[in-house]
Protein backbone atom coordinates (compact mmCIF):
# COMPACT_ATOMS: atom_id res chain seq x y z
CA MET A 1 0.00 0.00 0.00
CA LYS A 2 1.20 3.48 -0.77
CA ILE A 3 1.68 6.38 1.68
CA TYR A 4 -0.09 9.69 1.18
CA ASP A 5 2.26 12.67 0.80
CA PHE A 6 0.99 15.85 2.46
CA THR A 7 3.80 17.91 0.94
CA ASN A 8 2.75 17.06 -2.60
CA LYS A 9 1.39 20.04 -4.53
CA LYS A 10 -0.31 17.96 -7.22
CA ARG A 11 -3.56 16.11 -6.70
CA GLU A 12 -3.75 12.44 -7.50
CA PHE A 13 -5.41 11.55 -10.77
CA GLY A 14 -8.89 10.47 -9.71
CA ARG A 15 -10.71 11.38 -6.51
CA VAL A 16 -9.78 9.48 -3.37
CA ALA A 17 -12.82 7.65 -2.00
CA PHE A 18 -13.81 5.53 1.00
CA SER A 19 -15.41 2.11 0.54
CA LEU A 20 -17.07 -0.23 3.01
CA THR A 21 -17.98 -3.90 2.55
CA LEU A 22 -19.89 -5.74 5.28
CA ASP A 23 -19.86 -9.53 5.56
CA LYS A 24 -22.60 -10.87 7.81
CA LYS A 25 -21.53 -14.50 7.48
CA ARG A 26 -17.93 -13.91 8.54
CA LYS A 27 -18.84 -11.01 10.86
CA THR A 28 -16.27 -8.74 9.28
CA GLU A 29 -15.98 -5.33 7.67
CA ARG A 30 -13.57 -4.34 4.93
CA VAL A 31 -12.52 -0.72 4.42
CA ILE A 32 -10.50 0.50 1.44
CA ILE A 33 -9.26 4.05 0.84
CA GLY A 34 -8.03 4.95 -2.65
CA THR A 35 -9.19 5.99 -6.07
CA ALA A 36 -12.21 4.24 -7.53
CA ASP A 37 -10.21 2.28 -10.13
CA GLU A 38 -7.68 1.02 -7.58
CA MET A 39 -10.40 0.10 -5.09
CA ARG A 40 -12.21 -1.94 -7.72
CA ARG A 41 -8.98 -3.75 -8.49
CA CYS A 42 -8.61 -4.67 -4.80
CA LEU A 43 -12.21 -5.81 -4.54
CA GLU A 44 -12.08 -7.94 -7.65
CA HIS A 45 -8.63 -9.49 -7.28
CA GLY A 46 -7.90 -9.42 -3.56
CA LYS A 47 -5.85 -7.43 -1.07
CA GLY A 48 -2.57 -6.10 -2.42
CA GLU A 49 -3.70 -5.99 -6.02
CA GLY A 50 -4.68 -2.31 -6.00
CA ASP A 51 -2.43 0.65 -5.26
CA VAL A 52 -4.43 2.06 -2.33
CA TYR A 53 -3.76 3.87 0.94
CA TYR A 54 -5.69 1.50 3.18
CA ASP A 55 -7.15 -1.98 2.83
CA GLU A 56 -8.02 -3.86 6.03
CA THR A 57 -10.58 -6.46 7.07
CA LEU A 58 -11.59 -6.12 10.73
CA PRO A 59 -14.27 -7.55 13.06
CA LEU A 60 -17.77 -6.28 12.32
CA GLY A 61 -18.48 -3.02 14.14
CA SER A 62 -14.84 -1.85 14.37
CA PHE A 63 -15.34 1.20 12.14
CA LEU A 64 -18.18 2.59 14.28
CA ILE A 65 -16.59 1.67 17.61
CA ASN A 66 -13.28 3.35 16.73
CA PHE A 67 -14.77 6.28 14.82
CA GLU A 68 -13.02 9.63 15.34
CA SER A 69 -14.27 11.72 18.26
CA ASP A 70 -13.38 15.42 18.14
CA LYS A 71 -14.98 17.06 21.17
CA ASN A 72 -12.52 19.98 21.13
CA GLY A 73 -12.98 20.75 17.45
CA ASP A 74 -9.31 20.22 16.53
CA TRP A 75 -10.13 19.42 12.91
CA ASN A 76 -11.93 22.71 12.40
CA LYS A 77 -9.21 24.64 14.23
CA ASN A 78 -6.47 23.26 12.01
CA HIS A 79 -8.39 23.75 8.78
CA LEU A 80 -8.32 27.49 9.53
CA TYR A 81 -4.57 27.52 8.76
CA LEU A 82 -5.35 26.25 5.28
CA ARG A 83 -8.14 28.79 4.90
CA ASP A 84 -5.88 31.63 6.05
CA SER A 85 -3.35 30.80 3.36
CA PHE A 86 -5.97 31.97 0.80
CA GLY A 87 -7.04 35.15 2.57
CA LYS A 88 -5.99 38.79 2.27
CA SER A 89 -3.86 38.07 -0.77
CA LYS A 90 -4.90 41.36 -2.39
CA VAL A 91 -3.83 43.49 0.59
CA PHE A 92 -0.86 41.42 1.79
CA PRO A 93 0.49 39.29 -1.06
CA ILE A 94 1.20 35.76 0.09
CA THR A 95 4.34 34.20 -1.30
CA GLU A 96 4.94 30.48 -1.55
CA LYS A 97 7.27 30.73 1.45
CA ASN A 98 4.63 32.54 3.51
CA ARG A 99 2.04 30.00 2.51
CA LYS A 100 4.20 27.11 3.75
CA GLU A 101 4.66 28.82 7.12
CA ILE A 102 0.93 29.48 7.45
CA ILE A 103 -0.16 25.94 6.66
CA ALA A 104 2.68 24.18 8.53
CA PRO A 105 0.62 23.45 11.71
CA ALA A 106 -2.21 22.00 9.62
CA VAL A 107 0.17 19.82 7.60
CA GLU A 108 1.70 18.43 10.81
CA PHE A 109 -1.77 17.79 12.24
CA LEU A 110 -2.91 15.94 9.11
CA GLN A 111 0.25 13.85 8.94
CA ASN A 112 -0.14 12.79 12.58
CA LYS A 113 -3.79 11.92 12.09
CA TYR A 114 -3.05 9.95 8.95
CA SER A 115 -0.34 7.99 10.80
CA SER A 116 -2.90 6.83 13.40
CA GLY A 117 -4.03 4.05 11.05
CA GLU A 118 -7.72 4.57 11.92
CA PRO A 119 -9.63 4.64 8.60
CA SER A 120 -12.06 7.50 9.34
CA VAL A 121 -9.11 9.67 10.40
CA MET A 122 -6.94 8.67 7.46
CA PHE A 123 -9.67 9.43 4.93
CA ALA A 124 -10.49 12.79 6.55
CA ALA A 125 -6.82 13.80 6.42
CA ILE A 126 -6.49 12.84 2.75
CA ARG A 127 -9.74 14.56 1.75
CA THR A 128 -8.74 17.72 3.63
CA TRP A 129 -5.47 18.04 1.76
CA ASP A 130 -7.07 17.06 -1.52
CA GLU A 131 -9.74 19.76 -1.20
CA TYR A 132 -7.08 22.30 -0.25
CA LEU A 133 -4.94 21.46 -3.29
CA TYR A 134 -7.92 21.72 -5.63
CA LEU A 135 -8.81 25.20 -4.37
CA HIS A 136 -5.18 26.26 -4.25
CA ASN A 137 -4.97 25.57 -7.98
CA HIS A 138 -8.07 27.76 -8.48
CA HIS A 139 -6.92 30.62 -6.24
CA LYS A 140 -8.27 33.31 -8.57
CA LYS A 141 -11.77 32.72 -7.26
CA ASP A 142 -12.80 35.12 -4.49
CA ASP A 143 -14.88 32.66 -2.46
CA ILE A 144 -12.44 29.77 -2.18
CA SER A 145 -11.97 30.22 1.60
CA ASP A 146 -15.68 29.81 2.23
CA THR A 147 -15.81 26.96 -0.25
CA LEU A 148 -13.09 25.10 1.65
CA THR A 149 -14.88 25.60 4.97
CA GLY A 150 -18.16 24.41 3.48
CA LYS A 151 -16.68 21.23 2.07
CA LEU A 152 -14.73 20.34 5.20
CA SER A 153 -17.60 21.07 7.59
CA ILE A 154 -19.50 18.27 5.84
CA LEU A 155 -16.54 15.95 6.38
CA TYR A 156 -15.92 16.90 10.03
CA LYS A 157 -19.51 17.10 11.28
CA PRO A 158 -19.71 13.50 12.59
CA PHE A 159 -16.43 13.97 14.48
CA MET A 160 -17.93 16.83 16.47
CA VAL A 161 -21.17 14.97 17.19
CA TYR A 162 -19.30 11.88 18.35
CA GLY A 163 -17.35 14.01 20.78
CA GLU A 164 -20.50 13.69 22.91
CA TYR A 165 -22.13 10.52 21.58
CA ARG A 166 -21.21 7.32 19.83
CA PRO A 167 -22.49 6.52 16.31
CA TRP A 168 -25.18 4.12 17.55
CA HIS A 169 -26.63 6.46 20.20
CA ASP A 170 -30.11 7.73 19.38
CA ASP A 171 -29.10 11.32 20.19
CA ALA A 172 -26.27 11.19 17.66
CA VAL A 173 -28.48 9.75 14.92
CA ASN A 174 -31.17 12.36 15.60
CA VAL A 175 -28.69 15.25 15.44
CA LEU A 176 -27.14 14.04 12.20
CA SER A 177 -30.48 13.21 10.58
CA VAL A 178 -31.77 16.74 11.11
CA ALA A 179 -28.58 18.25 9.74
CA LEU A 180 -28.32 15.93 6.74
CA ARG A 181 -28.24 17.73 3.42
CA ASP A 182 -28.41 16.42 -0.13
CA ALA A 183 -24.67 16.81 -0.61
CA GLU A 184 -24.09 14.60 2.41
CA SER A 185 -26.60 11.86 1.68
CA SER A 186 -25.35 10.47 -1.63
CA VAL A 187 -23.18 7.36 -1.99
CA GLU A 188 -22.36 4.87 -4.70
CA LEU A 189 -23.48 1.30 -4.29
CA TRP A 190 -21.28 -1.20 -6.11
CA TYR A 191 -23.20 -4.40 -6.68
CA PRO A 192 -21.53 -7.83 -6.66
CA VAL A 193 -19.74 -8.73 -9.88
CA LYS A 194 -17.37 -11.52 -10.93
CA ASN A 195 -15.36 -12.57 -7.85
CA ARG A 196 -16.92 -10.00 -5.55
CA LEU A 197 -19.93 -11.56 -3.81
CA LEU A 198 -20.85 -8.67 -1.53
CA GLU A 199 -22.16 -5.18 -2.23
CA THR A 200 -19.88 -2.26 -1.44
CA VAL A 201 -20.88 1.29 -0.49
CA VAL A 202 -18.59 4.16 -1.53
CA THR A 203 -18.45 7.82 -0.50
CA TYR A 204 -16.28 10.71 -1.67
CA SER A 205 -17.08 13.56 0.72
CA SER A 206 -19.05 12.59 3.83
CA PHE A 207 -19.17 9.80 6.39
CA LEU A 208 -22.85 10.32 7.16
CA PRO A 209 -24.33 8.02 4.48
CA ILE A 210 -21.73 5.38 5.36
CA ILE A 211 -22.74 5.53 9.02
CA PHE A 212 -26.46 5.34 8.26
CA TYR A 213 -25.89 2.48 5.81
CA TYR A 214 -23.86 0.62 8.43
CA MET A 215 -26.46 1.15 11.18
CA ASN A 216 -29.33 0.09 8.93
CA LYS A 217 -27.53 -3.13 8.01
CA LEU A 218 -26.83 -3.96 11.66
CA ASN A 219 -30.45 -3.29 12.59
CA GLU A 220 -31.57 -5.49 9.70
CA TRP A 221 -29.33 -8.30 10.96
CA GLY A 222 -30.42 -7.87 14.58
CA TYR A 223 -27.04 -6.75 15.94
CA SER A 224 -26.66 -4.14 18.67
CA PHE A 225 -23.81 -2.35 20.42
CA ARG A 226 -23.27 -3.17 24.09
CA GLN A 227 -20.84 -2.02 26.76
CA CYS A 228 -18.98 -4.89 28.39
CA LYS A 229 -19.72 -5.15 32.10
CA ALA A 230 -16.22 -6.42 32.80
CA CYS A 231 -13.89 -4.15 30.77
CA ASN A 232 -16.32 -1.29 29.87
CA ILE A 233 -15.33 -1.52 26.19
CA PHE A 234 -18.09 -1.26 23.57
CA PHE A 235 -18.63 -4.30 21.38
CA LEU A 236 -21.08 -5.55 18.76
CA ALA A 237 -23.41 -8.30 19.98
CA GLU A 238 -25.83 -10.54 18.12
CA ASN A 239 -28.60 -9.53 20.51
CA ARG A 240 -29.24 -7.27 23.51
CA HIS A 241 -28.83 -10.09 26.02
CA TYR A 242 -25.03 -10.12 25.74
CA GLU A 243 -23.31 -8.47 28.72
CA VAL A 244 -19.63 -9.28 28.13
CA CYS A 245 -17.43 -9.10 25.04
CA SER A 246 -15.30 -12.25 25.44
CA GLY A 247 -14.72 -15.44 27.39
CA GLU A 248 -12.05 -13.72 29.45
CA CYS A 249 -14.45 -10.93 30.38
CA ARG A 250 -17.11 -13.53 31.19
CA LYS A 251 -14.77 -14.94 33.84
CA GLN A 252 -14.00 -11.44 35.11
CA ASN A 253 -17.71 -10.65 35.26
CA ALA A 254 -18.21 -13.71 37.46
CA VAL A 255 -15.48 -12.41 39.78
CA ASN A 256 -17.12 -8.97 39.85
CA ALA A 257 -20.50 -10.53 40.64
CA LYS A 258 -18.94 -12.39 43.56
CA GLN A 259 -17.36 -9.17 44.81
CA LYS A 260 -20.72 -7.40 44.65
CA PHE A 261 -22.26 -10.29 46.60
CA ASN A 262 -19.50 -9.93 49.19
CA GLU A 263 -20.17 -6.19 49.40
CA LYS A 264 -23.85 -6.90 49.97
CA THR A 265 -22.86 -9.33 52.73
CA LYS A 266 -20.65 -6.62 54.20
CA ASP A 267 -23.66 -4.32 54.17
CA ASP A 268 -25.56 -6.90 56.23
CA GLU A 269 -22.59 -7.24 58.55
CA SER A 270 -22.58 -3.48 59.05
CA LYS A 271 -26.25 -3.60 60.01
CA HIS A 272 -25.63 -6.44 62.46
CA LEU A 273 -22.66 -4.61 63.93
CA TYR A 274 -24.71 -1.42 64.33
CA ASP A 275 -27.55 -3.34 65.99
CA ALA A 276 -25.07 -5.04 68.32
CA THR A 277 -23.38 -1.74 69.20
CA TYR A 278 -26.70 0.00 69.76
CA GLN A 279 -27.89 -2.85 72.01
CA HIS A 280 -24.63 -2.66 73.94
CA TRP A 281 -25.15 1.06 74.62
CA TYR A 282 -28.79 0.41 75.53
CA ASN A 283 -27.92 -2.33 78.00
CA ARG A 284 -25.34 -0.12 79.71
CA ARG A 285 -27.89 2.70 79.90
CA ARG A 286 -30.50 0.40 81.43
CA SER A 287 -28.03 -0.81 84.05
CA LEU A 288 -27.24 2.75 85.07
CA LEU A 289 -30.89 3.77 85.30
CA LYS A 290 -31.67 0.79 87.52
CA ASN A 291 -28.92 1.76 89.94
CA LYS A 292 -30.47 4.37 92.24
CA THR A 293 -27.09 5.24 93.78
CA ALA A 294 -25.52 6.30 90.48
CA ASP A 295 -24.39 9.93 90.19
CA PRO A 296 -27.15 11.76 88.18
CA ASP A 297 -24.61 14.02 86.46
CA MET A 298 -22.55 11.06 85.30
CA VAL A 299 -25.66 9.26 84.11
CA GLU A 300 -26.64 12.35 82.10
CA THR A 301 -23.15 12.38 80.58
CA PHE A 302 -23.69 8.80 79.46
CA MET A 303 -27.15 9.62 78.07
CA THR A 304 -25.71 12.54 76.07
CA ALA A 305 -23.00 10.29 74.62
CA PHE A 306 -25.68 7.70 73.75
CA ARG A 307 -27.76 10.33 71.91
CA ASN A 308 -24.66 11.55 70.04
CA PHE A 309 -23.94 7.96 69.02
CA ARG A 310 -27.44 7.52 67.58
CA ASN A 311 -27.37 10.87 65.75
CA GLU A 312 -23.96 10.24 64.19
CA ALA A 313 -24.94 6.69 63.24
CA ALA A 314 -28.06 8.00 61.50
CA LYS A 315 -25.96 10.46 59.47
CA ARG A 316 -23.48 7.78 58.43
CA LYS A 317 -26.22 5.34 57.43
CA LYS A 318 -27.98 8.06 55.41
CA ALA A 319 -24.76 8.91 53.56
CA LEU A 320 -24.20 5.23 52.85
CA GLN A 321 -27.70 4.73 51.49
CA LYS A 322 -27.31 7.81 49.28
CA VAL A 323 -24.17 6.43 47.64
CA LYS A 324 -25.78 3.01 47.17
CA LYS A 325 -28.73 4.67 45.44
CA GLN A 326 -26.36 6.58 43.16
CA ALA A 327 -24.74 3.27 42.16
CA GLU A 328 -28.12 1.72 41.37
CA GLU A 329 -29.25 4.73 39.30
CA SER A 330 -25.94 5.30 37.48
CA ALA A 331 -26.27 5.93 33.74
CA SER A 332 -23.01 4.15 32.93
CA ILE A 333 -20.90 1.33 34.26
CA ARG A 334 -18.08 3.76 34.98
CA GLU A 335 -20.32 5.89 37.20
CA GLU A 336 -21.64 2.77 38.93
CA ASP A 337 -18.12 1.54 39.68
CA LYS A 338 -17.14 4.95 41.03
CA ALA A 339 -20.15 5.01 43.36
CA ASN A 340 -19.47 1.44 44.50
CA GLU A 341 -15.88 2.35 45.36
CA LYS A 342 -17.14 5.25 47.46
CA ALA A 343 -19.63 2.92 49.16
CA LYS A 344 -16.81 0.50 50.04
CA LYS A 345 -14.91 3.31 51.72
CA LEU A 346 -17.97 4.40 53.70
CA PHE A 347 -18.58 0.76 54.72
CA ARG A 348 -15.08 0.47 56.16
CA GLU A 349 -15.27 3.83 57.94
CA PHE A 350 -18.69 3.00 59.42
CA GLN A 351 -17.58 -0.38 60.69
CA GLY A 352 -14.41 1.07 62.22
CA TRP A 353 -16.41 3.82 63.89
CA LEU A 354 -18.91 1.30 65.33
CA ALA A 355 -16.07 -0.72 66.83
CA VAL A 356 -14.77 2.42 68.56
CA GLN A 357 -18.25 3.28 69.81
CA TYR A 358 -18.68 -0.20 71.30
CA SER A 359 -15.55 0.38 73.36
CA GLU A 360 -16.64 3.93 74.20
CA ALA A 361 -19.81 2.63 75.89
CA ASP A 362 -17.71 0.34 78.06
CA LYS A 363 -15.28 3.12 78.90
CA LEU A 364 -18.00 5.54 80.09
CA PHE A 365 -19.82 2.82 82.02
CA SER A 366 -16.59 1.80 83.71
CA GLU A 367 -15.77 5.41 84.67
CA ILE A 368 -19.22 5.91 86.26
CA THR A 369 -19.27 2.65 88.16
CA GLN A 370 -15.67 3.12 89.33
CA LYS A 371 -16.41 6.60 90.63
CA ARG A 372 -19.47 5.29 92.50
CA HIS A 373 -17.30 2.55 94.01
CA ASP A 374 -14.66 5.07 95.12
CA THR A 375 -17.36 7.23 96.71
């Protein structure tokens, strides 16, 4: 496979396109990036036959799971360097040397993105430079800056949306569906011919139709994206009942389930320990009240400590229940794990505090009875 050159001033003969082939039987996806003629050669004669920039067959769902997420808008920020190299040429003439300096940050950004090996990123980098070269060769037009921004905004739009959502989230699909324009909704469908048994969808300017095509196929086949309960990684499942992504994670999920059971048992132990500690305080209190010779002031001191114990215990139990509720109502596994970790800490602190309070009841009782004995 060839390497794209972002220092090249001449566009490749033929537009660079992005093709996707889905294989339900083998549960794979094949992505090719190259010119139409070279992509057809790869599809008809096998990998390595066409002179393309990318040709990989990956597990089904990989493209959508690993799709570029640009929450900070880095693609749009860097395209501004390319746009600026067109501007103000009538007032401040831009030489070829000046132009190189202006676009240098964008070129570095595109090269780094291309080197990532992720197909959506590679194609976006190639298309960005290709659109820039085309307009650079037509620099006499006054509106080329706006034209560049318009073309690239179509290309980058999904990146921005997926900074907040993933491609299969309903919110993402709704946002993109509303914004979809005619220029973004057209693709080529290459039907099976000769040695190629599967249809292939091809786009030249936007990922949106590819994404919608992919999602529609998965829905048709009954597949759905799930988040693994063991490793938190998203994966494609044959139905919604799958909870883990692999046999290894299935074992880990069993371990996690056992840990949760142990935590629940610890919760019961905390309740038993609180009941035992409360009963211990209560029994000491009752013994003091039955003793008519006990110093009233010392008895009141004990009663105050008993009330403080109950009030503090109520606060700690309330805080613990609040965290447990947060874990149960968490919107994601990550939030649930975070809440559970906090609950574990509160469990340990509560149990340690109860142990101290058990001893505190004995200490106060001993001080009162010892003083009465001395008197």
